[in-house]
């Protein structure tokens, strides 16, 4: 008898393993999770696990890579088919990056928690940095301004990354709609002056 939809069965098995691994990661670090307790929670056998993965780190890498692919797709949504993005014309509702993070909030909150024993924050930062640099050229509008465009790109890119990470760390305190609008306003905003905070009546 021919087995129908083998790919669907494989996907379902992997989804259960990933869901179970994420559940365990909320309780303990990667190093303290055993294959035995993982397959017990997933209600499958060790043989099933080893059919798909050599070790638990391979499962984790696949989970992370899938989320990176989803994040990339969400990031690209507002400018598909465009050659230039005008922040004055871009509707805030077209931004889907924050929606991606909120829809996967358990994954991101878990992976960014230091107790997982995995330096996911650095990995996520590097991947976003690479994505932003590959996708965008940040332009300086004043041609006579002596700004190093590479440094300017770094400033902009890591500002966006910091914004996202702080939002996640805050427990997604603001709504995605608010974050969408604020991101556009921040990207458009320029600060020729700053004010010095006063400490005990004196400038620092």
Protein backbone atom coordinates (compact mmCIF):
# COMPACT_ATOMS: atom_id res chain seq x y z
CA UNK A 1 0.00 0.00 0.00
CA UNK A 2 1.32 3.41 -0.95
CA UNK A 3 1.88 5.81 1.94
CA UNK A 4 0.12 9.09 1.23
CA UNK A 5 1.58 12.50 2.00
CA UNK A 6 4.92 11.39 3.50
CA UNK A 7 6.18 14.99 3.44
CA UNK A 8 3.23 16.15 5.50
CA UNK A 9 3.94 13.44 8.06
CA UNK A 10 7.58 14.47 8.28
CA UNK A 11 6.61 18.12 8.70
CA UNK A 12 4.16 17.23 11.44
CA UNK A 13 6.80 15.19 13.30
CA UNK A 14 9.32 18.00 13.07
CA UNK A 15 6.75 20.56 14.24
CA UNK A 16 6.02 18.49 17.33
CA UNK A 17 9.73 18.10 18.08
CA UNK A 18 10.31 21.84 17.69
CA UNK A 19 7.34 22.74 19.83
CA UNK A 20 8.50 20.33 22.52
CA UNK A 21 12.06 21.66 22.40
CA UNK A 22 10.81 25.22 22.77
CA UNK A 23 8.73 24.18 25.77
CA UNK A 24 11.78 22.61 27.42
CA UNK A 25 13.89 25.68 26.66
CA UNK A 26 11.49 27.74 28.76
CA UNK A 27 12.49 25.59 31.73
CA UNK A 28 16.19 24.85 31.25
CA UNK A 29 19.25 25.52 29.12
CA UNK A 30 20.09 23.78 25.85
CA UNK A 31 22.87 21.79 27.55
CA UNK A 32 20.50 20.41 30.17
CA UNK A 33 17.90 19.10 27.71
CA UNK A 34 18.29 15.43 26.90
CA UNK A 35 17.10 13.64 23.80
CA UNK A 36 15.17 11.24 26.05
CA UNK A 37 13.04 13.91 27.70
CA UNK A 38 12.57 15.65 24.35
CA UNK A 39 11.14 12.58 22.63
CA UNK A 40 9.04 11.75 25.69
CA UNK A 41 7.44 15.18 25.58
CA UNK A 42 7.00 14.92 21.80
CA UNK A 43 5.53 11.43 22.23
CA UNK A 44 7.86 9.84 19.72
CA UNK A 45 10.87 7.52 19.79
CA UNK A 46 14.58 8.23 19.81
CA UNK A 47 14.74 6.45 16.44
CA UNK A 48 12.26 8.99 15.07
CA UNK A 49 14.40 11.86 16.32
CA UNK A 50 17.60 10.43 14.82
CA UNK A 51 15.83 9.88 11.50
CA UNK A 52 15.72 13.66 11.13
CA UNK A 53 18.57 15.00 13.27
CA UNK A 54 21.99 13.86 14.42
CA UNK A 55 21.87 15.93 17.60
CA UNK A 56 19.61 18.40 19.39
CA UNK A 57 21.72 21.33 18.16
CA UNK A 58 20.71 20.44 14.59
CA UNK A 59 17.06 20.74 15.59
CA UNK A 60 17.72 24.09 17.24
CA UNK A 61 19.62 25.36 14.18
CA UNK A 62 16.70 24.41 11.96
CA UNK A 63 14.25 26.21 14.26
CA UNK A 64 16.39 29.34 14.20
CA UNK A 65 16.88 29.28 10.44
CA UNK A 66 13.15 28.92 9.82
CA UNK A 67 12.46 31.97 11.97
CA UNK A 68 15.17 33.93 10.12
CA UNK A 69 13.50 33.08 6.81
CA UNK A 70 10.11 34.19 8.14
CA UNK A 71 11.64 37.37 9.54
CA UNK A 72 13.27 38.15 6.17
CA UNK A 73 9.97 37.68 4.33
CA UNK A 74 8.17 39.98 6.79
CA UNK A 75 10.95 42.59 6.53
CA UNK A 76 10.71 42.69 2.74
CA UNK A 77 6.91 43.00 2.50
CA UNK A 78 6.67 46.85 2.44
CA UNK A 79 9.04 47.31 -0.50
CA UNK A 80 8.47 44.30 -2.75
CA UNK A 81 8.78 45.56 -6.32
CA UNK A 82 10.10 48.99 -5.30
CA UNK A 83 13.51 50.50 -6.04
CA UNK A 84 13.18 53.37 -3.54
CA UNK A 85 11.33 53.64 -0.23
CA UNK A 86 10.04 57.10 0.63
CA UNK A 87 9.27 57.17 4.34
CA UNK A 88 6.97 60.15 3.77
CA UNK A 89 4.81 57.97 1.53
CA UNK A 90 5.17 54.57 3.21
CA UNK A 91 1.98 53.53 5.08
CA UNK A 92 2.82 52.33 8.57
CA UNK A 93 0.33 49.46 8.13
CA UNK A 94 2.54 48.04 5.37
CA UNK A 95 5.29 47.19 7.89
CA UNK A 96 5.03 43.55 8.98
CA UNK A 97 8.31 43.06 10.83
CA UNK A 98 6.85 43.83 14.26
CA UNK A 99 3.90 41.54 13.52
CA UNK A 100 6.36 38.73 12.87
CA UNK A 101 7.99 39.21 16.26
CA UNK A 102 4.68 39.41 18.14
CA UNK A 103 3.32 36.32 16.36
CA UNK A 104 6.46 34.43 17.43
CA UNK A 105 6.82 36.11 20.80
CA UNK A 106 7.24 32.86 22.76
CA UNK A 107 10.11 31.80 20.53
CA UNK A 108 11.90 35.17 20.73
CA UNK A 109 11.35 35.71 24.45
CA UNK A 110 12.60 32.19 25.14
CA UNK A 111 15.62 32.35 22.85
CA UNK A 112 16.67 35.79 24.11
CA UNK A 113 16.48 34.65 27.73
CA UNK A 114 20.05 34.12 29.06
CA UNK A 115 18.95 30.93 30.83
CA UNK A 116 18.81 29.09 27.49
CA UNK A 117 22.62 29.08 27.52
CA UNK A 118 22.67 29.99 23.83
CA UNK A 119 23.91 33.35 22.58
CA UNK A 120 20.88 33.97 20.41
CA UNK A 121 20.95 37.75 20.90
CA UNK A 122 24.29 37.98 19.11
CA UNK A 123 23.13 35.63 16.36
CA UNK A 124 19.91 37.59 15.81
CA UNK A 125 21.78 40.91 15.79
CA UNK A 126 24.30 39.66 13.21
CA UNK A 127 21.56 38.24 10.99
CA UNK A 128 19.52 41.46 11.07
CA UNK A 129 22.66 43.51 10.44
CA UNK A 130 23.47 41.39 7.39
CA UNK A 131 19.90 41.53 6.13
CA UNK A 132 19.64 45.31 6.46
CA UNK A 133 22.97 45.87 4.73
CA UNK A 134 22.12 43.53 1.87
CA UNK A 135 18.69 45.04 1.30
CA UNK A 136 19.14 48.80 1.83
CA UNK A 137 21.47 51.62 0.90
CA UNK A 138 20.95 54.39 3.44
CA UNK A 139 21.49 57.68 1.63
CA UNK A 140 22.68 61.03 2.94
CA UNK A 141 20.40 63.63 1.36
CA UNK A 142 22.76 66.59 1.76
CA UNK A 143 25.56 65.96 -0.79
CA UNK A 144 28.04 68.31 0.90
CA UNK A 145 27.67 66.72 4.33
CA UNK A 146 31.00 65.03 5.28
CA UNK A 147 29.39 61.84 6.56
CA UNK A 148 30.93 58.42 6.06
CA UNK A 149 28.00 56.52 4.53
CA UNK A 150 29.26 53.19 5.92
CA UNK A 151 29.24 54.59 9.46
CA UNK A 152 25.88 56.22 8.81
CA UNK A 153 24.48 52.83 7.74
CA UNK A 154 25.86 51.20 10.88
CA UNK A 155 24.27 53.91 13.02
CA UNK A 156 20.88 53.50 11.35
CA UNK A 157 20.94 49.70 11.23
CA UNK A 158 21.92 49.17 14.86
CA UNK A 159 19.42 51.81 15.94
CA UNK A 160 16.65 49.74 14.36
CA UNK A 161 18.01 46.51 15.84
CA UNK A 162 18.22 48.09 19.29
CA UNK A 163 14.64 49.34 18.94
CA UNK A 164 13.40 45.82 18.15
CA UNK A 165 15.39 44.14 20.93
CA UNK A 166 14.26 46.65 23.55
CA UNK A 167 10.65 46.16 22.46
CA UNK A 168 10.98 42.39 22.85
CA UNK A 169 12.78 42.75 26.20
CA UNK A 170 9.96 45.01 27.44
CA UNK A 171 7.47 42.21 26.85
CA UNK A 172 6.09 43.84 23.69
CA UNK A 173 4.81 46.74 25.77
CA UNK A 174 3.65 48.81 22.80
CA UNK A 175 1.34 47.62 20.03
CA UNK A 176 2.68 46.68 16.61
CA UNK A 177 0.75 49.60 15.09
CA UNK A 178 2.49 51.99 17.48
CA UNK A 179 5.91 50.50 16.70
CA UNK A 180 5.26 50.68 12.95
CA UNK A 181 4.40 54.37 13.17
CA UNK A 182 7.28 55.19 15.50
CA UNK A 183 9.80 53.43 13.27
CA UNK A 184 8.77 55.53 10.28
CA UNK A 185 8.86 58.74 12.32
CA UNK A 186 12.30 57.87 13.72
CA UNK A 187 13.68 57.10 10.26
CA UNK A 188 12.42 60.46 8.99
CA UNK A 189 13.56 62.44 12.02
CA UNK A 190 16.80 64.35 12.26
CA UNK A 191 18.34 65.87 15.40
CA UNK A 192 20.70 68.80 14.75
CA UNK A 193 20.72 69.60 18.49
CA UNK A 194 20.49 67.70 21.76
CA UNK A 195 19.89 68.97 25.27
CA UNK A 196 22.11 68.07 28.21
CA UNK A 197 20.36 66.60 31.22
CA UNK A 198 21.00 68.52 34.42
CA UNK A 199 22.43 66.65 37.41
CA UNK A 200 22.05 68.37 40.79
CA UNK A 201 21.66 71.69 39.07
CA UNK A 202 24.92 71.32 37.13
CA UNK A 203 25.78 70.11 33.66
CA UNK A 204 27.51 66.75 33.58
